[in-house]
Amino acid sequence: MIEFQQVHKTYRADGREIPALHATDLRIEEGEVFGLIGHSGAGKSTLLRLINRLEEPSGGRILVNDEDVTALDATGLRRFRQRVGMIFQHFNLLSSKTVADNIAMPLRLSGAWNRVSLDRRVAELLERVGLREQAHKYPAQLSGGQKQRVGIARALATGPDLLLCDEATSALDPQTTAQVLRLLAEINRELKLTIVLITHEMDVIRRVCDRVAVMDGGRIVEQGTVADVFLHPRHPTTQRFVLEDEQVDEHEQLADFAQVPGRILRLTFRGEATYAPLLGRVARETGVDYSILAGRIDRIKDTPYGQLTLSLVGGDLIAAVARLEAANVHIEVLR
């Protein structure tokens, strides 16, 4: 649905050119939730805002549904933006307008809705985001999560094909973040809406995205399915994000294992293998004893996964590893 062809962006400040995004190629498929993750200054916000030309590219082409967005004139750009919804980090609601009026604003600006159809559409959107009882309240009377739900409803008002989320959960507490992510997942699933979101939290990517691009220094340094990138990170930036998400210091962890005997392996299970009684069976068949040193079982969007760090001693270690690999378990030798 979206294609970047050698797109780059440079700012001028104090007579110097500062590159925010180096020449980038990127494809985002129709109907997927695509995540962009990076620390502050990585270029992710610039990339997102180039899609609807809130930022003008310094070069390259951006295609959305085969339409060259970079070639649109002012009229074409206005028409294009009606098909793109945007959710902001700090909500950007009009404080002097009610919830219903905030949601109705893009409909009024389009000039294509009469009063009856506009009121009906606003009621539908309030129902979808669970704010039917809040229609006549003002933003100051809402919680942060409710404000973001208003922002989501407003972004959906004109029936867009594409939804852009600019750090949509970073101003929210963990419980409210989970609620907003579930709402975005429902919108993606039920409306078949393509969603591009940026964040600095790997947990947000893990819970809602299908694919992810990791950014550092204005470049995409790694991309792929969330499961592949999250479970088997290759670039140092991605590895840091994963360790931060797991709240693990790998050097300290390995130091803690220094006195542990045997071979230390990290096993990664995906899908049904996550819940299979595999370790016990392998231990019985090969005579290997194991100790679980660390681990977690969770989900990446709809897919269960598990990662266990084990020490293995005794028995036939080669046979044990072969049986695990035959069961599609990914194995990393840590020591």
Protein backbone atom coordinates (compact mmCIF):
# COMPACT_ATOMS: atom_id res chain seq x y z
CA MET A 1 0.00 0.00 0.00
CA ILE A 2 2.88 2.36 0.82
CA GLU A 3 6.22 2.41 -0.95
CA PHE A 4 9.21 4.62 -0.23
CA GLN A 5 11.70 4.91 -3.09
CA GLN A 6 14.98 6.46 -1.98
CA VAL A 7 13.11 8.97 0.20
CA HIS A 8 15.27 11.30 2.28
CA LYS A 9 14.78 14.38 4.41
CA THR A 10 17.30 17.07 5.41
CA TYR A 11 16.71 20.11 7.63
CA ARG A 12 18.69 23.34 7.56
CA ALA A 13 19.68 24.90 10.89
CA ASP A 14 22.25 27.62 11.53
CA GLY A 15 23.51 27.31 7.98
CA ARG A 16 24.08 23.56 8.31
CA GLU A 17 22.26 20.66 6.70
CA ILE A 18 21.10 18.06 9.22
CA PRO A 19 19.93 14.73 7.77
CA ALA A 20 16.83 13.41 9.58
CA LEU A 21 16.21 10.51 7.19
CA HIS A 22 18.80 9.03 4.86
CA ALA A 23 17.77 7.57 1.49
CA THR A 24 15.22 4.92 2.41
CA ASP A 25 13.37 2.16 0.57
CA LEU A 26 10.37 0.68 2.37
CA ARG A 27 7.21 -1.27 1.57
CA ILE A 28 4.13 -1.48 3.80
CA GLU A 29 1.45 -3.96 2.79
CA GLU A 30 -2.28 -3.29 2.68
CA GLY A 31 -4.15 -4.29 5.84
CA GLU A 32 -1.13 -4.81 8.09
CA VAL A 33 -0.10 -3.07 11.29
CA PHE A 34 3.42 -1.82 10.65
CA GLY A 35 5.55 -0.53 13.50
CA LEU A 36 8.47 1.90 13.46
CA ILE A 37 10.61 1.78 16.58
CA GLY A 38 13.62 3.86 17.54
CA HIS A 39 15.00 6.05 20.28
CA SER A 40 14.51 9.84 20.20
CA GLY A 41 16.12 11.35 17.11
CA ALA A 42 16.14 8.07 15.18
CA GLY A 43 14.00 9.56 12.38
CA LYS A 44 10.80 7.60 12.93
CA SER A 45 8.52 10.64 13.37
CA THR A 46 9.99 12.24 10.26
CA LEU A 47 9.35 9.08 8.24
CA LEU A 48 5.75 8.82 9.47
CA ARG A 49 4.96 12.48 8.75
CA LEU A 50 6.38 12.19 5.24
CA ILE A 51 3.61 9.74 4.34
CA ASN A 52 0.90 12.43 4.43
CA ARG A 53 3.40 15.21 3.69
CA LEU A 54 3.18 16.95 7.03
CA GLU A 55 6.91 16.94 6.32
CA GLU A 56 8.06 17.57 2.75
CA PRO A 57 10.66 15.10 1.48
CA SER A 58 13.99 16.45 0.26
CA GLY A 59 14.03 13.78 -2.45
CA GLY A 60 12.66 10.42 -3.54
CA ARG A 61 9.12 9.22 -4.23
CA ILE A 62 6.33 8.10 -1.91
CA LEU A 63 3.59 5.96 -3.45
CA VAL A 64 0.32 5.22 -1.64
CA ASN A 65 -1.94 2.81 -3.54
CA ASP A 66 0.24 3.52 -6.61
CA GLU A 67 -0.42 7.27 -6.34
CA ASP A 68 2.70 9.45 -6.22
CA VAL A 69 2.01 11.52 -3.10
CA THR A 70 5.14 13.62 -3.67
CA ALA A 71 3.72 14.89 -6.96
CA LEU A 72 0.34 16.06 -5.63
CA ASP A 73 -0.62 19.72 -5.82
CA ALA A 74 -2.48 21.47 -2.98
CA THR A 75 -5.91 20.28 -4.15
CA GLY A 76 -4.74 16.70 -4.65
CA LEU A 77 -3.00 16.70 -1.28
CA ARG A 78 -6.19 17.84 0.51
CA ARG A 79 -8.14 15.08 -1.22
CA PHE A 80 -5.46 12.51 -0.34
CA ARG A 81 -5.37 13.53 3.34
CA GLN A 82 -9.10 12.83 3.65
CA ARG A 83 -8.16 9.15 3.17
CA VAL A 84 -5.51 9.27 5.89
CA GLY A 85 -6.34 9.43 9.60
CA MET A 86 -3.77 10.52 12.18
CA ILE A 87 -3.57 9.99 15.94
CA PHE A 88 -1.25 12.22 17.95
CA GLN A 89 0.76 11.64 21.12
CA HIS A 90 -0.81 14.55 23.03
CA PHE A 91 -4.33 14.11 21.60
CA ASN A 92 -4.57 17.57 19.91
CA LEU A 93 -8.22 18.00 20.85
CA LEU A 94 -9.97 21.37 20.74
CA SER A 95 -10.58 22.24 24.39
CA SER A 96 -13.53 24.52 23.63
CA LYS A 97 -15.41 21.80 21.71
CA THR A 98 -17.31 18.83 23.08
CA VAL A 99 -16.26 15.25 22.38
CA ALA A 100 -18.90 14.99 19.65
CA ASP A 101 -17.82 18.27 18.06
CA ASN A 102 -14.15 17.21 18.06
CA ILE A 103 -15.05 14.00 16.24
CA ALA A 104 -17.30 15.87 13.81
CA MET A 105 -14.64 18.45 12.89
CA PRO A 106 -13.09 16.61 9.88
CA LEU A 107 -16.57 15.83 8.58
CA ARG A 108 -17.58 19.49 8.71
CA LEU A 109 -14.33 20.54 7.04
CA SER A 110 -14.92 18.11 4.17
CA GLY A 111 -18.22 19.81 3.39
CA ALA A 112 -19.70 16.52 2.17
CA TRP A 113 -21.97 15.68 5.13
CA ASN A 114 -25.43 17.02 5.97
CA ARG A 115 -26.49 17.38 9.61
CA VAL A 116 -28.41 14.09 9.82
CA SER A 117 -25.69 11.93 8.29
CA LEU A 118 -23.00 13.75 10.29
CA ASP A 119 -24.78 13.13 13.61
CA ARG A 120 -25.32 9.47 12.67
CA ARG A 121 -21.63 9.04 11.80
CA VAL A 122 -20.48 10.66 15.07
CA ALA A 123 -22.80 8.36 17.04
CA GLU A 124 -21.34 5.32 15.26
CA LEU A 125 -17.81 6.40 16.08
CA LEU A 126 -18.61 7.13 19.72
CA GLU A 127 -20.07 3.63 20.00
CA ARG A 128 -17.00 2.05 18.39
CA VAL A 129 -14.56 3.66 20.81
CA GLY A 130 -16.80 3.15 23.86
CA LEU A 131 -17.57 6.81 24.57
CA ARG A 132 -21.28 7.06 23.85
CA GLU A 133 -21.95 8.48 27.32
CA GLN A 134 -19.21 11.12 26.97
CA ALA A 135 -20.52 12.83 23.82
CA HIS A 136 -21.33 16.18 25.44
CA LYS A 137 -18.34 16.40 27.76
CA TYR A 138 -15.28 18.56 27.10
CA PRO A 139 -11.68 17.26 26.87
CA ALA A 140 -10.78 18.64 30.31
CA GLN A 141 -13.41 16.32 31.82
CA LEU A 142 -11.84 13.18 30.30
CA SER A 143 -9.04 10.86 31.35
CA GLY A 144 -5.97 10.44 29.14
CA GLY A 145 -7.27 7.17 27.74
CA GLN A 146 -10.64 8.70 26.93
CA LYS A 147 -8.96 11.64 25.19
CA GLN A 148 -6.98 9.23 23.02
CA ARG A 149 -10.16 7.34 22.16
CA VAL A 150 -11.66 10.64 20.99
CA GLY A 151 -8.54 11.15 18.89
CA ILE A 152 -8.98 7.69 17.38
CA ALA A 153 -12.65 8.33 16.61
CA ARG A 154 -11.76 11.66 14.97
CA ALA A 155 -9.07 9.95 12.88
CA LEU A 156 -11.65 7.41 11.66
CA ALA A 157 -14.34 9.99 10.90
CA THR A 158 -13.86 10.28 7.13
CA GLY A 159 -13.47 6.51 6.63
CA PRO A 160 -9.73 6.51 5.84
CA ASP A 161 -7.78 3.70 4.18
CA LEU A 162 -4.71 4.42 6.30
CA LEU A 163 -4.21 5.29 9.96
CA LEU A 164 -0.99 6.94 11.19
CA CYS A 165 -0.22 6.75 14.93
CA ASP A 166 2.41 9.17 16.23
CA GLU A 167 3.46 7.79 19.66
CA ALA A 168 -0.23 7.25 20.39
CA THR A 169 0.34 5.47 23.72
CA SER A 170 3.46 7.11 25.17
CA ALA A 171 1.44 9.58 27.28
CA LEU A 172 -0.68 6.81 28.82
CA ASP A 173 -0.26 4.49 31.80
CA PRO A 174 0.33 0.74 31.12
CA GLN A 175 -3.28 -0.35 31.71
CA THR A 176 -4.69 2.38 29.45
CA THR A 177 -2.02 1.63 26.84
CA ALA A 178 -3.20 -2.00 26.73
CA GLN A 179 -6.81 -0.85 26.22
CA VAL A 180 -5.87 1.51 23.39
CA LEU A 181 -3.77 -1.20 21.70
CA ARG A 182 -6.71 -3.63 21.87
CA LEU A 183 -8.91 -0.97 20.25
CA LEU A 184 -6.38 -0.44 17.44
CA ALA A 185 -6.15 -4.20 16.89
CA GLU A 186 -9.96 -4.39 16.64
CA ILE A 187 -10.02 -1.52 14.15
CA ASN A 188 -7.35 -3.20 12.02
CA ARG A 189 -9.15 -6.54 12.10
CA GLU A 190 -12.72 -5.32 11.56
CA LEU A 191 -12.15 -2.43 9.15
CA LYS A 192 -9.15 -3.99 7.32
CA LEU A 193 -7.40 -0.67 7.92
CA THR A 194 -3.68 -0.33 7.30
CA ILE A 195 -2.01 1.11 10.41
CA VAL A 196 1.47 2.60 10.70
CA LEU A 197 2.55 3.39 14.24
CA ILE A 198 5.72 4.71 15.81
CA THR A 199 6.90 4.03 19.32
CA HIS A 200 9.98 3.64 21.48
CA GLU A 201 8.47 0.69 23.36
CA MET A 202 9.09 -2.85 22.12
CA ASP A 203 6.09 -4.10 24.09
CA VAL A 204 3.77 -1.95 21.95
CA ILE A 205 5.27 -3.47 18.79
CA ARG A 206 4.99 -6.99 20.22
CA ARG A 207 1.32 -6.66 21.14
CA VAL A 208 -0.20 -5.14 18.01
CA CYS A 209 2.13 -5.13 14.97
CA ASP A 210 2.59 -7.63 12.14
CA ARG A 211 5.92 -6.27 10.92
CA VAL A 212 8.42 -3.78 12.29
CA ALA A 213 11.29 -1.58 11.12
CA VAL A 214 13.96 -0.59 13.64
CA MET A 215 15.45 2.88 13.10
CA ASP A 216 18.72 4.39 14.27
CA GLY A 217 20.45 7.55 13.08
CA GLY A 218 17.94 8.23 10.31
CA ARG A 219 18.27 4.74 8.82
CA ILE A 220 16.27 1.51 8.96
CA VAL A 221 18.78 -0.91 10.47
CA GLU A 222 16.57 -4.01 10.68
CA GLN A 223 13.08 -5.01 9.58
CA GLY A 224 10.91 -8.09 9.29
CA THR A 225 8.03 -9.86 10.99
CA VAL A 226 7.72 -8.93 14.65
CA ALA A 227 8.33 -12.54 15.71
CA ASP A 228 11.60 -12.78 13.75
CA VAL A 229 12.90 -9.38 14.85
CA PHE A 230 11.80 -9.72 18.47
CA LEU A 231 12.98 -13.29 19.03
CA HIS A 232 16.14 -13.19 16.92
CA PRO A 233 17.42 -9.57 16.85
CA ARG A 234 20.55 -9.07 14.74
CA HIS A 235 21.38 -5.37 14.94
CA PRO A 236 22.76 -3.98 18.24
CA THR A 237 19.98 -1.36 18.38
CA THR A 238 17.31 -4.07 18.13
CA GLN A 239 19.09 -6.18 20.73
CA ARG A 240 19.08 -3.23 23.14
CA PHE A 241 15.33 -2.73 22.65
CA VAL A 242 14.64 -6.40 23.36
CA LEU A 243 16.80 -6.39 26.49
CA GLU A 244 15.15 -3.18 27.70
CA ASP A 245 11.72 -4.75 27.16
CA GLU A 246 12.75 -7.82 29.15
CA GLN A 247 14.50 -5.65 31.76
CA VAL A 248 17.60 -7.81 31.42
CA ASP A 249 21.27 -6.85 31.53
CA GLU A 250 22.81 -9.63 29.43
CA HIS A 251 26.33 -9.07 30.76
CA GLU A 252 25.14 -9.28 34.36
CA GLN A 253 23.07 -12.35 33.54
CA LEU A 254 26.02 -14.19 31.98
CA ALA A 255 28.15 -13.23 34.98
CA ASP A 256 25.49 -14.77 37.25
CA PHE A 257 25.72 -17.99 35.23
CA ALA A 258 29.52 -18.20 35.64
CA GLN A 259 29.24 -20.78 38.45
CA VAL A 260 26.53 -22.81 36.70
CA PRO A 261 27.84 -26.15 35.38
CA GLY A 262 27.24 -27.58 31.92
CA ARG A 263 26.31 -26.15 28.54
CA ILE A 264 24.09 -23.05 28.58
CA LEU A 265 21.54 -22.72 25.77
CA ARG A 266 18.73 -20.31 24.97
CA LEU A 267 15.72 -22.07 23.44
CA THR A 268 13.00 -20.24 21.51
CA PHE A 269 9.60 -21.88 21.02
CA ARG A 270 6.86 -20.54 18.73
CA GLY A 271 3.25 -21.49 18.21
CA GLU A 272 1.97 -24.83 19.54
CA ALA A 273 5.49 -25.92 20.54
CA THR A 274 5.36 -23.30 23.30
CA TYR A 275 3.01 -25.48 25.37
CA ALA A 276 4.30 -28.93 24.39
CA PRO A 277 5.96 -31.07 27.16
CA LEU A 278 9.12 -31.23 25.08
CA LEU A 279 11.87 -30.72 27.66
CA GLY A 280 10.76 -33.60 29.87
CA ARG A 281 10.55 -35.97 26.92
CA VAL A 282 14.00 -35.00 25.62
CA ALA A 283 15.49 -35.39 29.10
CA ARG A 284 14.05 -38.90 29.47
CA GLU A 285 15.15 -40.01 26.01
CA THR A 286 18.71 -38.66 26.20
CA GLY A 287 19.53 -38.79 29.90
CA VAL A 288 20.30 -35.05 29.99
CA ASP A 289 19.51 -33.11 33.16
CA TYR A 290 18.49 -29.48 32.82
CA SER A 291 18.04 -26.44 35.03
CA ILE A 292 15.91 -23.44 33.96
CA LEU A 293 17.98 -20.31 34.56
CA ALA A 294 15.65 -17.72 33.01
CA GLY A 295 12.60 -17.61 30.82
CA ARG A 296 9.33 -16.10 29.74
CA ILE A 297 6.18 -17.24 27.97
CA ASP A 298 4.03 -14.60 26.29
CA ARG A 299 2.41 -13.72 22.97
CA ILE A 300 3.50 -11.78 19.91
CA LYS A 301 0.17 -10.43 18.69
CA ASP A 302 -1.80 -13.70 18.29
CA THR A 303 1.17 -16.09 18.38
CA PRO A 304 2.36 -17.69 21.65
CA TYR A 305 6.09 -17.93 22.18
CA GLY A 306 8.52 -18.96 24.88
CA GLN A 307 12.20 -18.35 25.54
CA LEU A 308 14.08 -20.41 28.11
CA THR A 309 17.71 -20.24 29.15
CA LEU A 310 18.85 -23.69 30.32
CA SER A 311 21.96 -25.39 31.62
CA LEU A 312 22.34 -28.97 30.38
CA VAL A 313 24.56 -31.56 32.08
CA GLY A 314 25.16 -35.29 31.67
CA GLY A 315 23.59 -37.66 29.15
CA ASP A 316 23.84 -37.35 25.38
CA LEU A 317 23.93 -33.59 24.76
CA ILE A 318 24.26 -33.91 20.97
CA ALA A 319 21.17 -36.12 20.79
CA ALA A 320 19.24 -33.70 23.02
CA VAL A 321 20.06 -30.76 20.78
CA ALA A 322 19.11 -32.76 17.67
CA ARG A 323 15.71 -33.65 19.15
CA LEU A 324 15.02 -30.04 20.07
CA GLU A 325 15.96 -28.83 16.59
CA ALA A 326 13.76 -31.53 15.04
CA ALA A 327 10.85 -30.03 17.01
CA ASN A 328 11.51 -26.61 15.37
CA VAL A 329 13.05 -25.13 18.50
CA HIS A 330 15.58 -22.39 17.76
CA ILE A 331 18.77 -22.87 19.77
CA GLU A 332 21.46 -20.36 20.69
CA VAL A 333 24.59 -21.53 22.47
CA LEU A 334 25.43 -18.98 25.16
CA ARG A 335 28.31 -21.00 26.63
